[in-house]
Protein backbone atom coordinates (compact mmCIF):
# COMPACT_ATOMS: atom_id res chain seq x y z
CA UNK A 1 0.00 0.00 0.00
CA UNK A 2 1.25 3.45 -0.88
CA UNK A 3 1.41 6.23 1.70
CA UNK A 4 2.94 9.70 1.99
CA UNK A 5 6.25 10.10 3.83
CA UNK A 6 6.54 13.54 5.43
CA UNK A 7 10.32 13.29 5.76
CA UNK A 8 10.98 12.31 2.10
CA UNK A 9 8.03 14.45 0.88
CA UNK A 10 6.95 11.73 -1.56
CA UNK A 11 4.51 8.83 -1.88
CA UNK A 12 6.24 5.51 -1.26
CA UNK A 13 5.34 1.86 -0.87
CA UNK A 14 4.99 1.15 2.86
CA UNK A 15 7.11 -1.63 4.37
CA UNK A 16 6.29 -3.68 7.49
CA UNK A 17 2.66 -2.57 7.23
CA UNK A 18 0.00 -3.83 9.61
CA UNK A 19 -3.70 -3.05 9.89
CA UNK A 20 -4.77 -1.30 13.09
CA UNK A 21 -8.10 0.00 14.41
CA UNK A 22 -8.24 3.60 15.58
CA UNK A 23 -10.18 4.79 18.67
CA UNK A 24 -13.16 5.81 16.54
CA UNK A 25 -13.41 2.31 15.02
CA UNK A 26 -12.00 3.08 11.58
CA UNK A 27 -9.26 0.96 10.04
CA UNK A 28 -5.77 2.25 9.20
CA UNK A 29 -2.45 0.91 7.96
CA UNK A 30 0.69 1.57 9.96
CA UNK A 31 4.16 0.95 8.56
CA UNK A 32 7.60 2.36 7.82
CA UNK A 33 9.20 4.24 4.93
CA UNK A 34 11.62 1.92 3.07
CA UNK A 35 14.08 4.80 2.46
CA UNK A 36 14.36 6.70 5.76
CA UNK A 37 12.55 4.43 8.25
CA UNK A 38 10.07 7.10 9.38
CA UNK A 39 6.68 5.87 10.60
CA UNK A 40 3.91 6.10 7.97
CA UNK A 41 0.15 6.01 8.54
CA UNK A 42 -2.72 5.66 6.05
CA UNK A 43 -6.39 5.85 7.00
CA UNK A 44 -8.53 3.38 5.06
CA UNK A 45 -12.11 3.75 3.87
CA UNK A 46 -15.20 2.80 5.85
CA UNK A 47 -15.56 -0.58 4.09
PDB file of N, CA and C in Angstrom:
ATOM      1  N   UNK A   1       0.851  -1.180   0.000  1.00  0.00           N
ATOM      2  CA  UNK A   1       0.000   0.000   0.000  1.00  0.00           C
ATOM      3  C   UNK A   1       0.892   1.237   0.000  1.00  0.00           C
ATOM      4  N   UNK A   2       0.507   2.202  -0.780  1.00  0.00           N
ATOM      5  CA  UNK A   2       1.254   3.449  -0.884  1.00  0.00           C
ATOM      6  C   UNK A   2       0.780   4.446   0.164  1.00  0.00           C
ATOM      7  N   UNK A   3       1.728   5.190   0.719  1.00  0.00           N
ATOM      8  CA  UNK A   3       1.412   6.232   1.703  1.00  0.00           C
ATOM      9  C   UNK A   3       2.407   7.371   1.523  1.00  0.00           C
ATOM     10  N   UNK A   4       2.091   8.528   2.115  1.00  0.00           N
ATOM     11  CA  UNK A   4       2.941   9.704   1.988  1.00  0.00           C
ATOM     12  C   UNK A   4       3.938   9.765   3.141  1.00  0.00           C
ATOM     13  N   UNK A   5       5.213   9.938   2.809  1.00  0.00           N
ATOM     14  CA  UNK A   5       6.254  10.097   3.827  1.00  0.00           C
ATOM     15  C   UNK A   5       6.526  11.586   3.990  1.00  0.00           C
ATOM     16  N   UNK A   6       6.357  12.105   5.203  1.00  0.00           N
ATOM     17  CA  UNK A   6       6.536  13.540   5.433  1.00  0.00           C
ATOM     18  C   UNK A   6       8.016  13.930   5.433  1.00  0.00           C
ATOM     19  N   UNK A   7       8.892  12.994   5.740  1.00  0.00           N
ATOM     20  CA  UNK A   7      10.319  13.291   5.755  1.00  0.00           C
ATOM     21  C   UNK A   7      10.890  13.341   4.330  1.00  0.00           C
ATOM     22  N   UNK A   8      10.519  12.358   3.494  1.00  0.00           N
ATOM     23  CA  UNK A   8      10.985  12.312   2.097  1.00  0.00           C
ATOM     24  C   UNK A   8      10.162  13.234   1.187  1.00  0.00           C
ATOM     25  N   UNK A   9       8.971  13.630   1.653  1.00  0.00           N
ATOM     26  CA  UNK A   9       8.031  14.448   0.881  1.00  0.00           C
ATOM     27  C   UNK A   9       7.655  13.786  -0.437  1.00  0.00           C
ATOM     28  N   UNK A  10       7.335  12.494  -0.369  1.00  0.00           N
ATOM     29  CA  UNK A  10       6.951  11.735  -1.560  1.00  0.00           C
ATOM     30  C   UNK A  10       6.087  10.541  -1.153  1.00  0.00           C
ATOM     31  N   UNK A  11       5.288  10.035  -2.110  1.00  0.00           N
ATOM     32  CA  UNK A  11       4.512   8.834  -1.884  1.00  0.00           C
ATOM     33  C   UNK A  11       5.424   7.637  -2.122  1.00  0.00           C
ATOM     34  N   UNK A  12       5.401   6.708  -1.178  1.00  0.00           N
ATOM     35  CA  UNK A  12       6.244   5.513  -1.264  1.00  0.00           C
ATOM     36  C   UNK A  12       5.446   4.286  -0.855  1.00  0.00           C
ATOM     37  N   UNK A  13       5.934   3.133  -1.268  1.00  0.00           N
ATOM     38  CA  UNK A  13       5.340   1.864  -0.873  1.00  0.00           C
ATOM     39  C   UNK A  13       5.730   1.581   0.581  1.00  0.00           C
ATOM     40  N   UNK A  14       4.751   1.350   1.432  1.00  0.00           N
ATOM     41  CA  UNK A  14       4.989   1.153   2.857  1.00  0.00           C
ATOM     42  C   UNK A  14       5.576  -0.234   3.110  1.00  0.00           C
ATOM     43  N   UNK A  15       6.563  -0.321   3.995  1.00  0.00           N
ATOM     44  CA  UNK A  15       7.110  -1.627   4.368  1.00  0.00           C
ATOM     45  C   UNK A  15       6.711  -1.946   5.802  1.00  0.00           C
ATOM     46  N   UNK A  16       6.692  -3.212   6.147  1.00  0.00           N
ATOM     47  CA  UNK A  16       6.287  -3.681   7.486  1.00  0.00           C
ATOM     48  C   UNK A  16       4.915  -3.141   7.875  1.00  0.00           C
ATOM     49  N   UNK A  17       3.972  -3.148   6.932  1.00  0.00           N
ATOM     50  CA  UNK A  17       2.656  -2.572   7.226  1.00  0.00           C
ATOM     51  C   UNK A  17       1.773  -3.569   7.974  1.00  0.00           C
ATOM     52  N   UNK A  18       0.965  -3.031   8.873  1.00  0.00           N
ATOM     53  CA  UNK A  18      -0.003  -3.829   9.609  1.00  0.00           C
ATOM     54  C   UNK A  18      -1.285  -3.023   9.765  1.00  0.00           C
ATOM     55  N   UNK A  19      -2.416  -3.726   9.761  1.00  0.00           N
ATOM     56  CA  UNK A  19      -3.703  -3.052   9.886  1.00  0.00           C
ATOM     57  C   UNK A  19      -4.027  -2.851  11.360  1.00  0.00           C
ATOM     58  N   UNK A  20      -4.408  -1.633  11.716  1.00  0.00           N
ATOM     59  CA  UNK A  20      -4.771  -1.300  13.088  1.00  0.00           C
ATOM     60  C   UNK A  20      -6.159  -0.657  13.095  1.00  0.00           C
ATOM     61  N   UNK A  21      -6.804  -0.648  14.242  1.00  0.00           N
ATOM     62  CA  UNK A  21      -8.097  -0.001  14.406  1.00  0.00           C
ATOM     63  C   UNK A  21      -7.903   1.217  15.297  1.00  0.00           C
ATOM     64  N   UNK A  22      -8.372   2.363  14.813  1.00  0.00           N
ATOM     65  CA  UNK A  22      -8.242   3.602  15.583  1.00  0.00           C
ATOM     66  C   UNK A  22      -9.317   3.655  16.673  1.00  0.00           C
ATOM     67  N   UNK A  23      -9.234   4.642  17.561  1.00  0.00           N
ATOM     68  CA  UNK A  23     -10.180   4.789  18.667  1.00  0.00           C
ATOM     69  C   UNK A  23     -11.621   4.921  18.190  1.00  0.00           C
ATOM     70  N   UNK A  24     -11.803   5.594  17.046  1.00  0.00           N
ATOM     71  CA  UNK A  24     -13.160   5.815  16.544  1.00  0.00           C
ATOM     72  C   UNK A  24     -13.702   4.616  15.762  1.00  0.00           C
ATOM     73  N   UNK A  25     -12.934   3.523  15.675  1.00  0.00           N
ATOM     74  CA  UNK A  25     -13.414   2.307  15.023  1.00  0.00           C
ATOM     75  C   UNK A  25     -13.012   2.154  13.575  1.00  0.00           C
ATOM     76  N   UNK A  26     -12.413   3.170  12.982  1.00  0.00           N
ATOM     77  CA  UNK A  26     -12.000   3.080  11.577  1.00  0.00           C
ATOM     78  C   UNK A  26     -10.678   2.335  11.457  1.00  0.00           C
ATOM     79  N   UNK A  27     -10.468   1.732  10.290  1.00  0.00           N
ATOM     80  CA  UNK A  27      -9.259   0.960  10.036  1.00  0.00           C
ATOM     81  C   UNK A  27      -8.169   1.861   9.461  1.00  0.00           C
ATOM     82  N   UNK A  28      -6.914   1.508   9.731  1.00  0.00           N
ATOM     83  CA  UNK A  28      -5.773   2.252   9.197  1.00  0.00           C
ATOM     84  C   UNK A  28      -4.611   1.292   9.009  1.00  0.00           C
ATOM     85  N   UNK A  29      -3.674   1.676   8.154  1.00  0.00           N
ATOM     86  CA  UNK A  29      -2.452   0.906   7.961  1.00  0.00           C
ATOM     87  C   UNK A  29      -1.299   1.672   8.570  1.00  0.00           C
ATOM     88  N   UNK A  30      -0.454   0.967   9.296  1.00  0.00           N
ATOM     89  CA  UNK A  30       0.691   1.568   9.957  1.00  0.00           C
ATOM     90  C   UNK A  30       1.928   0.826   9.469  1.00  0.00           C
ATOM     91  N   UNK A  31       2.952   1.585   9.057  1.00  0.00           N
ATOM     92  CA  UNK A  31       4.164   0.948   8.559  1.00  0.00           C
ATOM     93  C   UNK A  31       5.346   1.891   8.608  1.00  0.00           C
ATOM     94  N   UNK A  32       6.391   1.552   7.846  1.00  0.00           N
ATOM     95  CA  UNK A  32       7.603   2.362   7.824  1.00  0.00           C
ATOM     96  C   UNK A  32       7.991   2.697   6.397  1.00  0.00           C
ATOM     97  N   UNK A  33       8.682   3.826   6.226  1.00  0.00           N
ATOM     98  CA  UNK A  33       9.197   4.235   4.927  1.00  0.00           C
ATOM     99  C   UNK A  33      10.418   3.367   4.606  1.00  0.00           C
ATOM    100  N   UNK A  34      10.479   2.786   3.409  1.00  0.00           N
ATOM    101  CA  UNK A  34      11.618   1.925   3.073  1.00  0.00           C
ATOM    102  C   UNK A  34      12.928   2.690   2.930  1.00  0.00           C
ATOM    103  N   UNK A  35      12.872   3.995   2.664  1.00  0.00           N
ATOM    104  CA  UNK A  35      14.078   4.799   2.458  1.00  0.00           C
ATOM    105  C   UNK A  35      14.658   5.318   3.765  1.00  0.00           C
ATOM    106  N   UNK A  36      13.832   6.026   4.563  1.00  0.00           N
ATOM    107  CA  UNK A  36      14.355   6.698   5.759  1.00  0.00           C
ATOM    108  C   UNK A  36      13.939   6.042   7.071  1.00  0.00           C
ATOM    109  N   UNK A  37      12.965   5.127   7.040  1.00  0.00           N
ATOM    110  CA  UNK A  37      12.551   4.430   8.254  1.00  0.00           C
ATOM    111  C   UNK A  37      11.546   5.177   9.114  1.00  0.00           C
ATOM    112  N   UNK A  38      11.054   6.312   8.647  1.00  0.00           N
ATOM    113  CA  UNK A  38      10.065   7.098   9.381  1.00  0.00           C
ATOM    114  C   UNK A  38       8.730   6.353   9.405  1.00  0.00           C
ATOM    115  N   UNK A  39       7.982   6.499  10.493  1.00  0.00           N
ATOM    116  CA  UNK A  39       6.676   5.875  10.596  1.00  0.00           C
ATOM    117  C   UNK A  39       5.696   6.499   9.614  1.00  0.00           C
ATOM    118  N   UNK A  40       4.921   5.649   8.936  1.00  0.00           N
ATOM    119  CA  UNK A  40       3.908   6.100   7.974  1.00  0.00           C
ATOM    120  C   UNK A  40       2.551   5.593   8.431  1.00  0.00           C
ATOM    121  N   UNK A  41       1.499   6.327   8.100  1.00  0.00           N
ATOM    122  CA  UNK A  41       0.148   6.012   8.538  1.00  0.00           C
ATOM    123  C   UNK A  41      -0.809   6.325   7.402  1.00  0.00           C
ATOM    124  N   UNK A  42      -1.716   5.401   7.089  1.00  0.00           N
ATOM    125  CA  UNK A  42      -2.716   5.661   6.055  1.00  0.00           C
ATOM    126  C   UNK A  42      -4.084   5.213   6.551  1.00  0.00           C
ATOM    127  N   UNK A  43      -5.023   6.149   6.565  1.00  0.00           N
ATOM    128  CA  UNK A  43      -6.385   5.852   6.997  1.00  0.00           C
ATOM    129  C   UNK A  43      -7.125   5.219   5.830  1.00  0.00           C
ATOM    130  N   UNK A  44      -7.790   4.099   6.098  1.00  0.00           N
ATOM    131  CA  UNK A  44      -8.529   3.378   5.064  1.00  0.00           C
ATOM    132  C   UNK A  44      -9.989   3.816   5.040  1.00  0.00           C
ATOM    133  N   UNK A  45     -10.712   3.392   4.012  1.00  0.00           N
ATOM    134  CA  UNK A  45     -12.111   3.749   3.869  1.00  0.00           C
ATOM    135  C   UNK A  45     -12.993   3.045   4.892  1.00  0.00           C
ATOM    136  N   UNK A  46     -14.266   3.356   4.880  1.00  0.00           N
ATOM    137  CA  UNK A  46     -15.202   2.798   5.855  1.00  0.00           C
ATOM    138  C   UNK A  46     -15.521   1.332   5.602  1.00  0.00           C
ATOM    139  N   UNK A  47     -15.251   0.817   4.415  1.00  0.00           N
ATOM    140  CA  UNK A  47     -15.565  -0.579   4.086  1.00  0.00           C
ATOM    141  C   UNK A  47     -14.866  -1.501   4.985  1.00  0.00           C
TER     142      UNK A  47
END
